[in-house]
Amino acid sequence: HLLHFSGGVPTAEDVKRAIDDLEELYQAVEVNGNLADEKFDFMKSELTVKDAMDIKKKVLTQPPPQAPVVPGPVMNANVFPH
């Protein structure tokens, strides 16, 4: 249930459902523990020169997509939301 509206105002129940969905997603990927725990061994190795070069290459060749910024007309500028 991702909260998506194109016009209109979401109800309080819509917002509550969206928040509940996000909290479920966070819990699904959450890992609890201490850095000393074995499950975190993957992040304890030293960063190598090759790792740094691979990261740089990826950032340069696969930058995150940028959404085009297209300004639109201001709608209802004289109406204060309630």
PDB file of N, CA and C in Angstrom:
ATOM      1  N   HIS A   1       0.824  -1.187   0.000  1.00  0.00           N
ATOM      2  CA  HIS A   1       0.000   0.000   0.000  1.00  0.00           C
ATOM      3  C   HIS A   1       0.864   1.245   0.000  1.00  0.00           C
ATOM      4  N   LEU A   2       1.451   1.593  -1.073  1.00  0.00           N
ATOM      5  CA  LEU A   2       2.199   2.842  -1.102  1.00  0.00           C
ATOM      6  C   LEU A   2       1.225   3.979  -1.278  1.00  0.00           C
ATOM      7  N   LEU A   3       1.436   5.025  -0.514  1.00  0.00           N
ATOM      8  CA  LEU A   3       0.556   6.179  -0.544  1.00  0.00           C
ATOM      9  C   LEU A   3       0.860   7.000  -1.787  1.00  0.00           C
ATOM     10  N   HIS A   4      -0.095   7.072  -2.689  1.00  0.00           N
ATOM     11  CA  HIS A   4       0.095   7.828  -3.924  1.00  0.00           C
ATOM     12  C   HIS A   4      -1.221   8.497  -4.272  1.00  0.00           C
ATOM     13  N   PHE A   5      -1.170   9.784  -4.412  1.00  0.00           N
ATOM     14  CA  PHE A   5      -2.362  10.534  -4.781  1.00  0.00           C
ATOM     15  C   PHE A   5      -2.038  11.466  -5.931  1.00  0.00           C
ATOM     16  N   SER A   6      -2.955  11.581  -6.841  1.00  0.00           N
ATOM     17  CA  SER A   6      -2.824  12.593  -7.885  1.00  0.00           C
ATOM     18  C   SER A   6      -4.073  13.456  -7.794  1.00  0.00           C
ATOM     19  N   GLY A   7      -4.016  14.383  -6.897  1.00  0.00           N
ATOM     20  CA  GLY A   7      -5.181  15.232  -6.647  1.00  0.00           C
ATOM     21  C   GLY A   7      -5.901  14.737  -5.408  1.00  0.00           C
ATOM     22  N   GLY A   8      -6.553  15.613  -4.732  1.00  0.00           N
ATOM     23  CA  GLY A   8      -7.271  15.221  -3.530  1.00  0.00           C
ATOM     24  C   GLY A   8      -6.361  15.202  -2.320  1.00  0.00           C
ATOM     25  N   VAL A   9      -6.936  14.868  -1.205  1.00  0.00           N
ATOM     26  CA  VAL A   9      -6.205  14.849   0.051  1.00  0.00           C
ATOM     27  C   VAL A   9      -6.365  13.468   0.673  1.00  0.00           C
ATOM     28  N   PRO A  10      -5.263  12.844   1.104  1.00  0.00           N
ATOM     29  CA  PRO A  10      -5.391  11.518   1.732  1.00  0.00           C
ATOM     30  C   PRO A  10      -6.128  11.630   3.063  1.00  0.00           C
ATOM     31  N   THR A  11      -6.874  10.601   3.377  1.00  0.00           N
ATOM     32  CA  THR A  11      -7.567  10.574   4.663  1.00  0.00           C
ATOM     33  C   THR A  11      -6.576  10.175   5.752  1.00  0.00           C
ATOM     34  N   ALA A  12      -6.963  10.371   6.983  1.00  0.00           N
ATOM     35  CA  ALA A  12      -6.122   9.969   8.113  1.00  0.00           C
ATOM     36  C   ALA A  12      -5.865   8.461   8.057  1.00  0.00           C
ATOM     37  N   GLU A  13      -6.853   7.700   7.654  1.00  0.00           N
ATOM     38  CA  GLU A  13      -6.693   6.241   7.549  1.00  0.00           C
ATOM     39  C   GLU A  13      -5.692   5.882   6.447  1.00  0.00           C
ATOM     40  N   ASP A  14      -5.707   6.606   5.323  1.00  0.00           N
ATOM     41  CA  ASP A  14      -4.729   6.382   4.244  1.00  0.00           C
ATOM     42  C   ASP A  14      -3.307   6.598   4.760  1.00  0.00           C
ATOM     43  N   VAL A  15      -3.105   7.679   5.486  1.00  0.00           N
ATOM     44  CA  VAL A  15      -1.780   8.000   6.021  1.00  0.00           C
ATOM     45  C   VAL A  15      -1.347   6.951   7.027  1.00  0.00           C
ATOM     46  N   LYS A  16      -2.268   6.526   7.898  1.00  0.00           N
ATOM     47  CA  LYS A  16      -1.949   5.499   8.896  1.00  0.00           C
ATOM     48  C   LYS A  16      -1.533   4.200   8.215  1.00  0.00           C
ATOM     49  N   ARG A  17      -2.255   3.797   7.168  1.00  0.00           N
ATOM     50  CA  ARG A  17      -1.896   2.568   6.442  1.00  0.00           C
ATOM     51  C   ARG A  17      -0.520   2.696   5.801  1.00  0.00           C
ATOM     52  N   ALA A  18      -0.222   3.856   5.236  1.00  0.00           N
ATOM     53  CA  ALA A  18       1.084   4.059   4.597  1.00  0.00           C
ATOM     54  C   ALA A  18       2.206   3.985   5.632  1.00  0.00           C
ATOM     55  N   ILE A  19       1.998   4.587   6.787  1.00  0.00           N
ATOM     56  CA  ILE A  19       3.002   4.532   7.853  1.00  0.00           C
ATOM     57  C   ILE A  19       3.188   3.099   8.332  1.00  0.00           C
ATOM     58  N   ASP A  20       2.091   2.372   8.513  1.00  0.00           N
ATOM     59  CA  ASP A  20       2.188   0.971   8.931  1.00  0.00           C
ATOM     60  C   ASP A  20       2.974   0.149   7.917  1.00  0.00           C
ATOM     61  N   ASP A  21       2.722   0.394   6.630  1.00  0.00           N
ATOM     62  CA  ASP A  21       3.449  -0.334   5.580  1.00  0.00           C
ATOM     63  C   ASP A  21       4.939  -0.038   5.643  1.00  0.00           C
ATOM     64  N   LEU A  22       5.312   1.238   5.818  1.00  0.00           N
ATOM     65  CA  LEU A  22       6.726   1.600   5.905  1.00  0.00           C
ATOM     66  C   LEU A  22       7.383   0.970   7.126  1.00  0.00           C
ATOM     67  N   GLU A  23       6.686   0.950   8.248  1.00  0.00           N
ATOM     68  CA  GLU A  23       7.248   0.341   9.445  1.00  0.00           C
ATOM     69  C   GLU A  23       7.479  -1.153   9.245  1.00  0.00           C
ATOM     70  N   GLU A  24       6.562  -1.827   8.533  1.00  0.00           N
ATOM     71  CA  GLU A  24       6.760  -3.252   8.220  1.00  0.00           C
ATOM     72  C   GLU A  24       7.988  -3.445   7.338  1.00  0.00           C
ATOM     73  N   LEU A  25       8.162  -2.571   6.353  1.00  0.00           N
ATOM     74  CA  LEU A  25       9.331  -2.676   5.477  1.00  0.00           C
ATOM     75  C   LEU A  25      10.623  -2.492   6.262  1.00  0.00           C
ATOM     76  N   TYR A  26      10.664  -1.497   7.142  1.00  0.00           N
ATOM     77  CA  TYR A  26      11.860  -1.261   7.953  1.00  0.00           C
ATOM     78  C   TYR A  26      12.179  -2.475   8.821  1.00  0.00           C
ATOM     79  N   GLN A  27      11.155  -3.081   9.412  1.00  0.00           N
ATOM     80  CA  GLN A  27      11.383  -4.247  10.268  1.00  0.00           C
ATOM     81  C   GLN A  27      11.879  -5.438   9.459  1.00  0.00           C
ATOM     82  N   ALA A  28      11.445  -5.530   8.209  1.00  0.00           N
ATOM     83  CA  ALA A  28      11.844  -6.659   7.372  1.00  0.00           C
ATOM     84  C   ALA A  28      13.328  -6.630   7.037  1.00  0.00           C
ATOM     85  N   VAL A  29      13.940  -5.453   6.997  1.00  0.00           N
ATOM     86  CA  VAL A  29      15.354  -5.365   6.646  1.00  0.00           C
ATOM     87  C   VAL A  29      16.244  -5.023   7.838  1.00  0.00           C
ATOM     88  N   GLU A  30      15.649  -4.878   8.979  1.00  0.00           N
ATOM     89  CA  GLU A  30      16.400  -4.476  10.161  1.00  0.00           C
ATOM     90  C   GLU A  30      17.220  -5.635  10.712  1.00  0.00           C
ATOM     91  N   VAL A  31      18.450  -5.353  11.042  1.00  0.00           N
ATOM     92  CA  VAL A  31      19.327  -6.328  11.675  1.00  0.00           C
ATOM     93  C   VAL A  31      19.761  -5.726  13.006  1.00  0.00           C
ATOM     94  N   ASN A  32      19.478  -6.427  14.071  1.00  0.00           N
ATOM     95  CA  ASN A  32      19.849  -5.940  15.390  1.00  0.00           C
ATOM     96  C   ASN A  32      21.080  -6.660  15.889  1.00  0.00           C
ATOM     97  N   GLY A  33      21.881  -5.971  16.666  1.00  0.00           N
ATOM     98  CA  GLY A  33      23.053  -6.600  17.247  1.00  0.00           C
ATOM     99  C   GLY A  33      24.150  -5.594  17.483  1.00  0.00           C
ATOM    100  N   ASN A  34      25.330  -6.118  17.732  1.00  0.00           N
ATOM    101  CA  ASN A  34      26.508  -5.294  17.964  1.00  0.00           C
ATOM    102  C   ASN A  34      27.498  -5.512  16.832  1.00  0.00           C
ATOM    103  N   LEU A  35      28.309  -4.512  16.577  1.00  0.00           N
ATOM    104  CA  LEU A  35      29.295  -4.610  15.505  1.00  0.00           C
ATOM    105  C   LEU A  35      30.208  -5.813  15.697  1.00  0.00           C
ATOM    106  N   ALA A  36      30.447  -6.200  16.936  1.00  0.00           N
ATOM    107  CA  ALA A  36      31.322  -7.346  17.218  1.00  0.00           C
ATOM    108  C   ALA A  36      30.676  -8.680  16.835  1.00  0.00           C
ATOM    109  N   ASP A  37      29.366  -8.696  16.619  1.00  0.00           N
ATOM    110  CA  ASP A  37      28.685  -9.942  16.268  1.00  0.00           C
ATOM    111  C   ASP A  37      29.140 -10.460  14.912  1.00  0.00           C
ATOM    112  N   GLU A  38      29.149 -11.768  14.768  1.00  0.00           N
ATOM    113  CA  GLU A  38      29.599 -12.418  13.535  1.00  0.00           C
ATOM    114  C   GLU A  38      28.786 -11.981  12.315  1.00  0.00           C
ATOM    115  N   LYS A  39      27.504 -11.695  12.512  1.00  0.00           N
ATOM    116  CA  LYS A  39      26.656 -11.343  11.367  1.00  0.00           C
ATOM    117  C   LYS A  39      27.078 -10.033  10.700  1.00  0.00           C
ATOM    118  N   PHE A  40      27.945  -9.263  11.366  1.00  0.00           N
ATOM    119  CA  PHE A  40      28.424  -8.004  10.791  1.00  0.00           C
ATOM    120  C   PHE A  40      29.841  -8.117  10.248  1.00  0.00           C
ATOM    121  N   ASP A  41      30.359  -9.330  10.122  1.00  0.00           N
ATOM    122  CA  ASP A  41      31.720  -9.523   9.616  1.00  0.00           C
ATOM    123  C   ASP A  41      31.904  -8.955   8.204  1.00  0.00           C
ATOM    124  N   PHE A  42      30.836  -8.940   7.415  1.00  0.00           N
ATOM    125  CA  PHE A  42      30.942  -8.465   6.036  1.00  0.00           C
ATOM    126  C   PHE A  42      31.384  -7.004   5.963  1.00  0.00           C
ATOM    127  N   MET A  43      31.205  -6.254   7.028  1.00  0.00           N
ATOM    128  CA  MET A  43      31.559  -4.840   6.988  1.00  0.00           C
ATOM    129  C   MET A  43      32.799  -4.504   7.798  1.00  0.00           C
ATOM    130  N   LYS A  44      33.583  -5.531   8.109  1.00  0.00           N
ATOM    131  CA  LYS A  44      34.771  -5.301   8.932  1.00  0.00           C
ATOM    132  C   LYS A  44      36.072  -5.422   8.164  1.00  0.00           C
ATOM    133  N   SER A  45      35.996  -5.753   6.897  1.00  0.00           N
ATOM    134  CA  SER A  45      37.245  -5.888   6.148  1.00  0.00           C
ATOM    135  C   SER A  45      37.713  -4.505   5.688  1.00  0.00           C
ATOM    136  N   GLU A  46      39.019  -4.379   5.543  1.00  0.00           N
ATOM    137  CA  GLU A  46      39.610  -3.111   5.154  1.00  0.00           C
ATOM    138  C   GLU A  46      39.254  -2.784   3.715  1.00  0.00           C
ATOM    139  N   LEU A  47      38.957  -1.536   3.460  1.00  0.00           N
ATOM    140  CA  LEU A  47      38.662  -1.085   2.114  1.00  0.00           C
ATOM    141  C   LEU A  47      39.961  -1.060   1.316  1.00  0.00           C
ATOM    142  N   THR A  48      39.965  -1.768   0.195  1.00  0.00           N
ATOM    143  CA  THR A  48      41.181  -1.844  -0.615  1.00  0.00           C
ATOM    144  C   THR A  48      41.177  -0.735  -1.666  1.00  0.00           C
ATOM    145  N   VAL A  49      42.321  -0.538  -2.294  1.00  0.00           N
ATOM    146  CA  VAL A  49      42.414   0.435  -3.390  1.00  0.00           C
ATOM    147  C   VAL A  49      41.481   0.020  -4.511  1.00  0.00           C
ATOM    148  N   LYS A  50      41.422  -1.287  -4.782  1.00  0.00           N
ATOM    149  CA  LYS A  50      40.516  -1.778  -5.829  1.00  0.00           C
ATOM    150  C   LYS A  50      39.068  -1.459  -5.478  1.00  0.00           C
ATOM    151  N   ASP A  51      38.682  -1.662  -4.206  1.00  0.00           N
ATOM    152  CA  ASP A  51      37.317  -1.331  -3.775  1.00  0.00           C
ATOM    153  C   ASP A  51      37.017   0.139  -4.049  1.00  0.00           C
ATOM    154  N   ALA A  52      37.945   1.010  -3.661  1.00  0.00           N
ATOM    155  CA  ALA A  52      37.752   2.448  -3.843  1.00  0.00           C
ATOM    156  C   ALA A  52      37.633   2.792  -5.326  1.00  0.00           C
ATOM    157  N   MET A  53      38.456   2.163  -6.150  1.00  0.00           N
ATOM    158  CA  MET A  53      38.403   2.420  -7.595  1.00  0.00           C
ATOM    159  C   MET A  53      37.083   1.919  -8.183  1.00  0.00           C
ATOM    160  N   ASP A  54      36.629   0.753  -7.731  1.00  0.00           N
ATOM    161  CA  ASP A  54      35.342   0.212  -8.208  1.00  0.00           C
ATOM    162  C   ASP A  54      34.181   1.130  -7.813  1.00  0.00           C
ATOM    163  N   ILE A  55      34.238   1.649  -6.596  1.00  0.00           N
ATOM    164  CA  ILE A  55      33.183   2.552  -6.130  1.00  0.00           C
ATOM    165  C   ILE A  55      33.181   3.823  -6.978  1.00  0.00           C
ATOM    166  N   LYS A  56      34.354   4.387  -7.211  1.00  0.00           N
ATOM    167  CA  LYS A  56      34.453   5.601  -8.008  1.00  0.00           C
ATOM    168  C   LYS A  56      33.917   5.370  -9.419  1.00  0.00           C
ATOM    169  N   LYS A  57      34.304   4.233 -10.015  1.00  0.00           N
ATOM    170  CA  LYS A  57      33.841   3.913 -11.371  1.00  0.00           C
ATOM    171  C   LYS A  57      32.318   3.797 -11.402  1.00  0.00           C
ATOM    172  N   LYS A  58      31.752   3.133 -10.401  1.00  0.00           N
ATOM    173  CA  LYS A  58      30.303   2.953 -10.358  1.00  0.00           C
ATOM    174  C   LYS A  58      29.590   4.298 -10.221  1.00  0.00           C
ATOM    175  N   VAL A  59      30.117   5.170  -9.361  1.00  0.00           N
ATOM    176  CA  VAL A  59      29.497   6.482  -9.174  1.00  0.00           C
ATOM    177  C   VAL A  59      29.552   7.292 -10.468  1.00  0.00           C
ATOM    178  N   LEU A  60      30.662   7.200 -11.183  1.00  0.00           N
ATOM    179  CA  LEU A  60      30.809   7.966 -12.419  1.00  0.00           C
ATOM    180  C   LEU A  60      29.998   7.395 -13.572  1.00  0.00           C
ATOM    181  N   THR A  61      29.894   6.066 -13.647  1.00  0.00           N
ATOM    182  CA  THR A  61      29.232   5.447 -14.792  1.00  0.00           C
ATOM    183  C   THR A  61      27.776   5.091 -14.530  1.00  0.00           C
ATOM    184  N   GLN A  62      27.389   5.030 -13.260  1.00  0.00           N
ATOM    185  CA  GLN A  62      26.001   4.680 -12.933  1.00  0.00           C
ATOM    186  C   GLN A  62      25.434   5.668 -11.916  1.00  0.00           C
ATOM    187  N   PRO A  63      25.438   6.947 -12.246  1.00  0.00           N
ATOM    188  CA  PRO A  63      24.896   7.901 -11.274  1.00  0.00           C
ATOM    189  C   PRO A  63      23.393   7.663 -11.097  1.00  0.00           C
ATOM    190  N   PRO A  64      22.862   8.037  -9.953  1.00  0.00           N
ATOM    191  CA  PRO A  64      21.423   7.871  -9.757  1.00  0.00           C
ATOM    192  C   PRO A  64      20.662   8.732 -10.756  1.00  0.00           C
ATOM    193  N   PRO A  65      19.524   8.259 -11.213  1.00  0.00           N
ATOM    194  CA  PRO A  65      18.759   9.048 -12.184  1.00  0.00           C
ATOM    195  C   PRO A  65      18.260  10.340 -11.546  1.00  0.00           C
ATOM    196  N   GLN A  66      18.301  11.372 -12.312  1.00  0.00           N
ATOM    197  CA  GLN A  66      17.818  12.668 -11.851  1.00  0.00           C
ATOM    198  C   GLN A  66      16.457  12.943 -12.481  1.00  0.00           C
ATOM    199  N   ALA A  67      15.493  13.247 -11.633  1.00  0.00           N
ATOM    200  CA  ALA A  67      14.167  13.581 -12.145  1.00  0.00           C
ATOM    201  C   ALA A  67      14.226  14.977 -12.761  1.00  0.00           C
ATOM    202  N   PRO A  68      13.635  15.134 -13.925  1.00  0.00           N
ATOM    203  CA  PRO A  68      13.637  16.464 -14.525  1.00  0.00           C
ATOM    204  C   PRO A  68      12.797  17.417 -13.677  1.00  0.00           C
ATOM    205  N   VAL A  69      13.295  18.622 -13.525  1.00  0.00           N
ATOM    206  CA  VAL A  69      12.568  19.637 -12.771  1.00  0.00           C
ATOM    207  C   VAL A  69      11.827  20.509 -13.766  1.00  0.00           C
ATOM    208  N   VAL A  70      10.517  20.346 -13.759  1.00  0.00           N
ATOM    209  CA  VAL A  70       9.688  21.111 -14.671  1.00  0.00           C
ATOM    210  C   VAL A  70       8.726  21.939 -13.819  1.00  0.00           C
ATOM    211  N   PRO A  71       8.985  23.225 -13.717  1.00  0.00           N
ATOM    212  CA  PRO A  71       8.079  24.032 -12.907  1.00  0.00           C
ATOM    213  C   PRO A  71       6.707  24.113 -13.553  1.00  0.00           C
ATOM    214  N   GLY A  72       5.710  23.990 -12.740  1.00  0.00           N
ATOM    215  CA  GLY A  72       4.344  24.086 -13.236  1.00  0.00           C
ATOM    216  C   GLY A  72       3.672  25.319 -12.670  1.00  0.00           C
ATOM    217  N   PRO A  73       2.469  25.563 -13.104  1.00  0.00           N
ATOM    218  CA  PRO A  73       1.753  26.727 -12.607  1.00  0.00           C
ATOM    219  C   PRO A  73       1.392  26.540 -11.129  1.00  0.00           C
ATOM    220  N   VAL A  74       1.372  27.622 -10.397  1.00  0.00           N
ATOM    221  CA  VAL A  74       0.959  27.590  -9.002  1.00  0.00           C
ATOM    222  C   VAL A  74      -0.557  27.532  -8.977  1.00  0.00           C
ATOM    223  N   MET A  75      -1.074  26.521  -8.296  1.00  0.00           N
ATOM    224  CA  MET A  75      -2.522  26.345  -8.236  1.00  0.00           C
ATOM    225  C   MET A  75      -3.026  26.773  -6.859  1.00  0.00           C
ATOM    226  N   ASN A  76      -4.102  27.484  -6.827  1.00  0.00           N
ATOM    227  CA  ASN A  76      -4.762  27.880  -5.577  1.00  0.00           C
ATOM    228  C   ASN A  76      -3.819  28.588  -4.633  1.00  0.00           C
ATOM    229  N   ALA A  77      -3.026  29.511  -5.142  1.00  0.00           N
ATOM    230  CA  ALA A  77      -2.051  30.207  -4.308  1.00  0.00           C
ATOM    231  C   ALA A  77      -2.710  31.039  -3.223  1.00  0.00           C
ATOM    232  N   ASN A  78      -3.954  31.382  -3.402  1.00  0.00           N
ATOM    233  CA  ASN A  78      -4.639  32.201  -2.415  1.00  0.00           C
ATOM    234  C   ASN A  78      -5.418  31.368  -1.394  1.00  0.00           C
ATOM    235  N   VAL A  79      -5.251  30.035  -1.407  1.00  0.00           N
ATOM    236  CA  VAL A  79      -5.996  29.160  -0.503  1.00  0.00           C
ATOM    237  C   VAL A  79      -5.026  28.570   0.507  1.00  0.00           C
ATOM    238  N   PHE A  80      -5.322  28.748   1.784  1.00  0.00           N
ATOM    239  CA  PHE A  80      -4.503  28.179   2.845  1.00  0.00           C
ATOM    240  C   PHE A  80      -5.012  26.774   3.161  1.00  0.00           C
ATOM    241  N   PRO A  81      -4.129  25.760   3.174  1.00  0.00           N
ATOM    242  CA  PRO A  81      -4.602  24.388   3.452  1.00  0.00           C
ATOM    243  C   PRO A  81      -5.130  24.280   4.872  1.00  0.00           C
ATOM    244  N   HIS A  82      -6.138  23.490   5.043  1.00  0.00           N
ATOM    245  CA  HIS A  82      -6.682  23.271   6.388  1.00  0.00           C
ATOM    246  C   HIS A  82      -6.786  21.822   6.714  1.00  0.00           C
TER     247      HIS A  82
END
